Amino acid sequence: MTESTEQDLREDDNPHKDQNAELARRLFFPEDDEDPASRAFAAYFEAEGDLAPQPSRETSWPVVHDGRRYVVLRNVNGVLAVYRVRPDGVLKRLKRWPAEIEAY
């Protein structure tokens, strides 16, 4: 099986993907709040430096899992960093994260 076929299968495994994405957009982008995904990108480069692997805007997005909000930064090689968005809006970079959020 090729890499693209495996990726297609993983994407098709989650029947609630569109519903989760819409919920995440509504939770993460209230009109009066700064975009947590943009703040996660800034925090990532501040921590890792300019020579860090580049996350992709197309594959990095907010995720809601078990009622908690996360921003997952990815590139073609996989997950680079995961930030939890605390209730007060502060981002916390996670050393370990729930494996399920990688499937979103």
N, C-alpha and C. Protein backbone atom coordinates (compact mmCIF):
# COMPACT_ATOMS: atom_id res chain seq x y z
N MET A 1 0.86 -1.18 0.00
CA MET A 1 0.00 0.00 0.00
C MET A 1 0.89 1.23 0.00
N THR A 2 0.57 2.20 -0.82
CA THR A 2 1.38 3.40 -0.91
C THR A 2 1.06 4.34 0.25
N GLU A 3 1.95 5.31 0.45
CA GLU A 3 1.76 6.28 1.54
C GLU A 3 0.48 7.07 1.36
N SER A 4 0.19 7.50 0.12
CA SER A 4 -1.02 8.30 -0.10
C SER A 4 -2.28 7.47 0.14
N THR A 5 -2.25 6.18 -0.21
CA THR A 5 -3.40 5.31 0.05
C THR A 5 -3.61 5.15 1.54
N GLU A 6 -2.53 4.95 2.30
CA GLU A 6 -2.64 4.84 3.75
C GLU A 6 -3.20 6.12 4.34
N GLN A 7 -2.76 7.28 3.84
CA GLN A 7 -3.27 8.57 4.33
C GLN A 7 -4.76 8.68 4.03
N ASP A 8 -5.18 8.28 2.81
CA ASP A 8 -6.59 8.34 2.45
C ASP A 8 -7.43 7.47 3.37
N LEU A 9 -6.92 6.29 3.69
CA LEU A 9 -7.65 5.39 4.59
C LEU A 9 -7.76 5.99 5.99
N ARG A 10 -6.69 6.60 6.49
CA ARG A 10 -6.74 7.21 7.82
C ARG A 10 -7.75 8.34 7.84
N GLU A 11 -7.78 9.16 6.80
CA GLU A 11 -8.72 10.27 6.75
C GLU A 11 -10.15 9.78 6.69
N ASP A 12 -10.38 8.66 5.98
CA ASP A 12 -11.73 8.12 5.84
C ASP A 12 -12.18 7.38 7.09
N ASP A 13 -11.28 7.02 7.98
CA ASP A 13 -11.63 6.28 9.20
C ASP A 13 -12.48 7.09 10.16
N ASN A 14 -12.41 8.40 10.12
CA ASN A 14 -13.12 9.24 11.07
C ASN A 14 -14.38 9.82 10.42
N PRO A 15 -15.55 9.19 10.66
CA PRO A 15 -16.77 9.68 10.02
C PRO A 15 -17.22 11.04 10.55
N HIS A 16 -16.67 11.48 11.68
CA HIS A 16 -17.07 12.75 12.29
C HIS A 16 -16.07 13.86 12.02
N LYS A 17 -15.17 13.64 11.07
CA LYS A 17 -14.10 14.61 10.82
C LYS A 17 -14.64 16.00 10.51
N ASP A 18 -15.62 16.10 9.60
CA ASP A 18 -16.17 17.41 9.24
C ASP A 18 -16.87 18.06 10.42
N GLN A 19 -17.62 17.26 11.17
CA GLN A 19 -18.32 17.78 12.34
C GLN A 19 -17.32 18.28 13.38
N ASN A 20 -16.24 17.52 13.62
CA ASN A 20 -15.22 17.93 14.57
C ASN A 20 -14.52 19.20 14.11
N ALA A 21 -14.26 19.31 12.83
CA ALA A 21 -13.57 20.49 12.30
C ALA A 21 -14.45 21.74 12.49
N GLU A 22 -15.74 21.61 12.23
CA GLU A 22 -16.64 22.76 12.40
C GLU A 22 -16.73 23.16 13.86
N LEU A 23 -16.84 22.19 14.76
CA LEU A 23 -16.88 22.48 16.19
C LEU A 23 -15.59 23.17 16.63
N ALA A 24 -14.46 22.67 16.16
CA ALA A 24 -13.18 23.26 16.51
C ALA A 24 -13.09 24.70 16.02
N ARG A 25 -13.55 24.95 14.80
CA ARG A 25 -13.51 26.32 14.28
C ARG A 25 -14.34 27.26 15.15
N ARG A 26 -15.54 26.82 15.55
CA ARG A 26 -16.39 27.68 16.37
C ARG A 26 -15.79 27.90 17.75
N LEU A 27 -15.13 26.87 18.31
CA LEU A 27 -14.53 27.02 19.63
C LEU A 27 -13.24 27.82 19.59
N PHE A 28 -12.48 27.68 18.51
CA PHE A 28 -11.16 28.28 18.46
C PHE A 28 -11.12 29.66 17.86
N PHE A 29 -12.12 30.05 17.13
CA PHE A 29 -12.06 31.32 16.44
C PHE A 29 -13.22 32.24 16.80
N PRO A 30 -13.45 32.45 18.11
CA PRO A 30 -14.47 33.45 18.45
C PRO A 30 -14.01 34.80 17.92
N GLU A 31 -14.96 35.65 17.60
CA GLU A 31 -14.64 36.91 16.93
C GLU A 31 -13.76 37.83 17.77
N ASP A 32 -13.85 37.73 19.10
CA ASP A 32 -13.10 38.67 19.93
C ASP A 32 -11.79 38.08 20.47
N ASP A 33 -11.37 36.92 19.99
CA ASP A 33 -10.17 36.26 20.51
C ASP A 33 -9.15 36.11 19.39
N GLU A 34 -7.87 36.17 19.76
CA GLU A 34 -6.81 35.94 18.78
C GLU A 34 -6.76 34.46 18.45
N ASP A 35 -6.44 34.14 17.23
CA ASP A 35 -6.38 32.78 16.72
C ASP A 35 -5.35 31.94 17.48
N PRO A 36 -5.76 30.89 18.23
CA PRO A 36 -4.79 30.07 18.95
C PRO A 36 -3.82 29.34 18.04
N ALA A 37 -4.24 28.99 16.82
CA ALA A 37 -3.33 28.31 15.90
C ALA A 37 -2.16 29.22 15.54
N SER A 38 -2.43 30.49 15.30
CA SER A 38 -1.35 31.44 15.00
C SER A 38 -0.42 31.60 16.20
N ARG A 39 -1.00 31.64 17.39
CA ARG A 39 -0.17 31.74 18.60
C ARG A 39 0.67 30.48 18.78
N ALA A 40 0.11 29.31 18.41
CA ALA A 40 0.87 28.05 18.52
C ALA A 40 2.06 28.05 17.56
N PHE A 41 1.85 28.54 16.34
CA PHE A 41 2.96 28.65 15.39
C PHE A 41 4.05 29.56 15.96
N ALA A 42 3.66 30.70 16.51
CA ALA A 42 4.63 31.64 17.07
C ALA A 42 5.37 31.00 18.24
N ALA A 43 4.65 30.31 19.12
CA ALA A 43 5.27 29.67 20.28
C ALA A 43 6.24 28.57 19.83
N TYR A 44 5.86 27.83 18.80
CA TYR A 44 6.71 26.76 18.29
C TYR A 44 8.04 27.31 17.80
N PHE A 45 8.00 28.37 16.98
CA PHE A 45 9.25 28.92 16.45
C PHE A 45 10.06 29.64 17.53
N GLU A 46 9.39 30.20 18.52
CA GLU A 46 10.11 30.81 19.63
C GLU A 46 10.87 29.75 20.42
N ALA A 47 10.25 28.60 20.62
CA ALA A 47 10.89 27.52 21.39
C ALA A 47 11.95 26.78 20.58
N GLU A 48 11.67 26.54 19.30
CA GLU A 48 12.53 25.69 18.48
C GLU A 48 13.56 26.45 17.65
N GLY A 49 13.32 27.72 17.41
CA GLY A 49 14.24 28.50 16.59
C GLY A 49 13.86 28.48 15.12
N ASP A 50 14.54 29.31 14.37
CA ASP A 50 14.24 29.47 12.94
C ASP A 50 14.59 28.26 12.09
N LEU A 51 15.48 27.41 12.59
CA LEU A 51 15.91 26.25 11.81
C LEU A 51 15.07 25.00 12.10
N ALA A 52 14.03 25.15 12.87
CA ALA A 52 13.16 24.03 13.23
C ALA A 52 12.41 23.53 11.99
N PRO A 53 12.00 22.25 12.00
CA PRO A 53 11.16 21.76 10.90
C PRO A 53 9.91 22.64 10.76
N GLN A 54 9.55 22.92 9.53
CA GLN A 54 8.47 23.86 9.24
C GLN A 54 7.10 23.17 9.33
N PRO A 55 6.21 23.63 10.22
CA PRO A 55 4.86 23.08 10.22
C PRO A 55 4.07 23.62 9.02
N SER A 56 3.12 22.84 8.57
CA SER A 56 2.31 23.21 7.43
C SER A 56 0.97 23.79 7.88
N ARG A 57 0.56 24.90 7.30
CA ARG A 57 -0.75 25.49 7.61
C ARG A 57 -1.89 24.59 7.12
N GLU A 58 -1.66 23.81 6.06
CA GLU A 58 -2.71 22.94 5.53
C GLU A 58 -2.97 21.72 6.40
N THR A 59 -1.96 21.26 7.13
CA THR A 59 -2.13 20.04 7.92
C THR A 59 -2.13 20.29 9.42
N SER A 60 -1.96 21.53 9.84
CA SER A 60 -1.98 21.89 11.26
C SER A 60 -3.30 22.59 11.55
N TRP A 61 -4.00 22.11 12.60
CA TRP A 61 -5.29 22.72 12.90
C TRP A 61 -5.70 22.46 14.33
N PRO A 62 -6.74 23.17 14.78
CA PRO A 62 -7.28 22.94 16.12
C PRO A 62 -8.06 21.64 16.18
N VAL A 63 -8.04 21.02 17.34
CA VAL A 63 -8.72 19.75 17.57
C VAL A 63 -9.43 19.83 18.91
N VAL A 64 -10.62 19.26 18.99
CA VAL A 64 -11.32 19.11 20.26
C VAL A 64 -11.38 17.63 20.56
N HIS A 65 -10.86 17.23 21.72
CA HIS A 65 -10.86 15.83 22.12
C HIS A 65 -11.20 15.74 23.60
N ASP A 66 -12.21 14.94 23.92
CA ASP A 66 -12.68 14.78 25.30
C ASP A 66 -12.95 16.11 25.98
N GLY A 67 -13.49 17.05 25.22
CA GLY A 67 -13.85 18.34 25.79
C GLY A 67 -12.69 19.30 25.97
N ARG A 68 -11.50 18.89 25.59
CA ARG A 68 -10.32 19.76 25.69
C ARG A 68 -9.91 20.22 24.31
N ARG A 69 -9.38 21.43 24.26
CA ARG A 69 -8.97 22.03 22.99
C ARG A 69 -7.46 21.93 22.83
N TYR A 70 -7.05 21.58 21.62
CA TYR A 70 -5.63 21.44 21.29
C TYR A 70 -5.38 22.11 19.95
N VAL A 71 -4.11 22.47 19.72
CA VAL A 71 -3.65 22.86 18.39
C VAL A 71 -2.53 21.88 18.05
N VAL A 72 -2.69 21.17 16.93
CA VAL A 72 -1.71 20.17 16.50
C VAL A 72 -0.95 20.74 15.31
N LEU A 73 0.37 20.86 15.46
CA LEU A 73 1.23 21.35 14.38
C LEU A 73 1.88 20.16 13.70
N ARG A 74 1.68 20.05 12.38
CA ARG A 74 2.19 18.92 11.61
C ARG A 74 2.93 19.40 10.37
N ASN A 75 3.70 18.48 9.81
CA ASN A 75 4.21 18.66 8.46
C ASN A 75 4.14 17.29 7.79
N VAL A 76 4.79 17.12 6.65
CA VAL A 76 4.69 15.84 5.93
C VAL A 76 5.27 14.68 6.72
N ASN A 77 6.12 14.96 7.67
CA ASN A 77 6.74 13.90 8.47
C ASN A 77 5.93 13.50 9.69
N GLY A 78 4.87 14.23 10.00
CA GLY A 78 4.03 13.89 11.14
C GLY A 78 3.86 15.05 12.11
N VAL A 79 3.51 14.72 13.35
CA VAL A 79 3.24 15.72 14.37
C VAL A 79 4.56 16.32 14.87
N LEU A 80 4.63 17.65 14.85
CA LEU A 80 5.81 18.35 15.35
C LEU A 80 5.63 18.81 16.78
N ALA A 81 4.42 19.27 17.11
CA ALA A 81 4.14 19.77 18.46
C ALA A 81 2.64 19.79 18.67
N VAL A 82 2.25 19.65 19.94
CA VAL A 82 0.85 19.75 20.33
C VAL A 82 0.75 20.74 21.48
N TYR A 83 -0.16 21.68 21.34
CA TYR A 83 -0.41 22.67 22.39
C TYR A 83 -1.83 22.49 22.90
N ARG A 84 -1.99 22.49 24.20
CA ARG A 84 -3.33 22.47 24.79
C ARG A 84 -3.72 23.92 25.03
N VAL A 85 -4.97 24.25 24.67
CA VAL A 85 -5.50 25.58 24.93
C VAL A 85 -6.26 25.49 26.25
N ARG A 86 -5.70 26.09 27.29
CA ARG A 86 -6.34 26.06 28.60
C ARG A 86 -7.60 26.91 28.59
N PRO A 87 -8.49 26.72 29.56
CA PRO A 87 -9.74 27.50 29.58
C PRO A 87 -9.54 29.01 29.57
N ASP A 88 -8.42 29.47 30.12
CA ASP A 88 -8.15 30.91 30.12
C ASP A 88 -7.51 31.38 28.81
N GLY A 89 -7.33 30.45 27.84
CA GLY A 89 -6.79 30.81 26.53
C GLY A 89 -5.29 30.65 26.40
N VAL A 90 -4.61 30.35 27.51
CA VAL A 90 -3.15 30.20 27.49
C VAL A 90 -2.79 28.86 26.83
N LEU A 91 -1.75 28.88 25.99
CA LEU A 91 -1.26 27.66 25.35
C LEU A 91 -0.23 26.98 26.22
N LYS A 92 -0.29 25.65 26.29
CA LYS A 92 0.71 24.87 27.01
C LYS A 92 1.19 23.78 26.07
N ARG A 93 2.49 23.77 25.80
CA ARG A 93 3.04 22.73 24.93
C ARG A 93 3.09 21.42 25.70
N LEU A 94 2.65 20.35 25.06
CA LEU A 94 2.60 19.05 25.71
C LEU A 94 3.80 18.20 25.29
N LYS A 95 4.36 17.50 26.27
CA LYS A 95 5.42 16.53 25.97
C LYS A 95 4.81 15.22 25.49
N ARG A 96 3.64 14.89 26.06
CA ARG A 96 2.89 13.70 25.67
C ARG A 96 1.45 14.15 25.43
N TRP A 97 0.80 13.54 24.48
CA TRP A 97 -0.57 13.91 24.17
C TRP A 97 -1.37 12.65 23.88
N PRO A 98 -2.70 12.75 23.95
CA PRO A 98 -3.53 11.59 23.64
C PRO A 98 -3.30 11.15 22.19
N ALA A 99 -3.07 9.88 22.00
CA ALA A 99 -2.80 9.36 20.66
C ALA A 99 -3.95 9.63 19.70
N GLU A 100 -5.17 9.71 20.22
CA GLU A 100 -6.33 9.91 19.37
C GLU A 100 -6.30 11.23 18.62
N ILE A 101 -5.64 12.25 19.16
CA ILE A 101 -5.67 13.55 18.46
C ILE A 101 -4.80 13.54 17.22
N GLU A 102 -3.92 12.56 17.07
CA GLU A 102 -3.13 12.47 15.85
C GLU A 102 -3.98 12.01 14.67
N ALA A 103 -5.11 11.37 14.94
CA ALA A 103 -5.97 10.87 13.87
C ALA A 103 -6.85 11.95 13.27
N TYR A 104 -6.98 13.10 13.91
CA TYR A 104 -7.83 14.16 13.39
C TYR A 104 -7.18 14.85 12.22
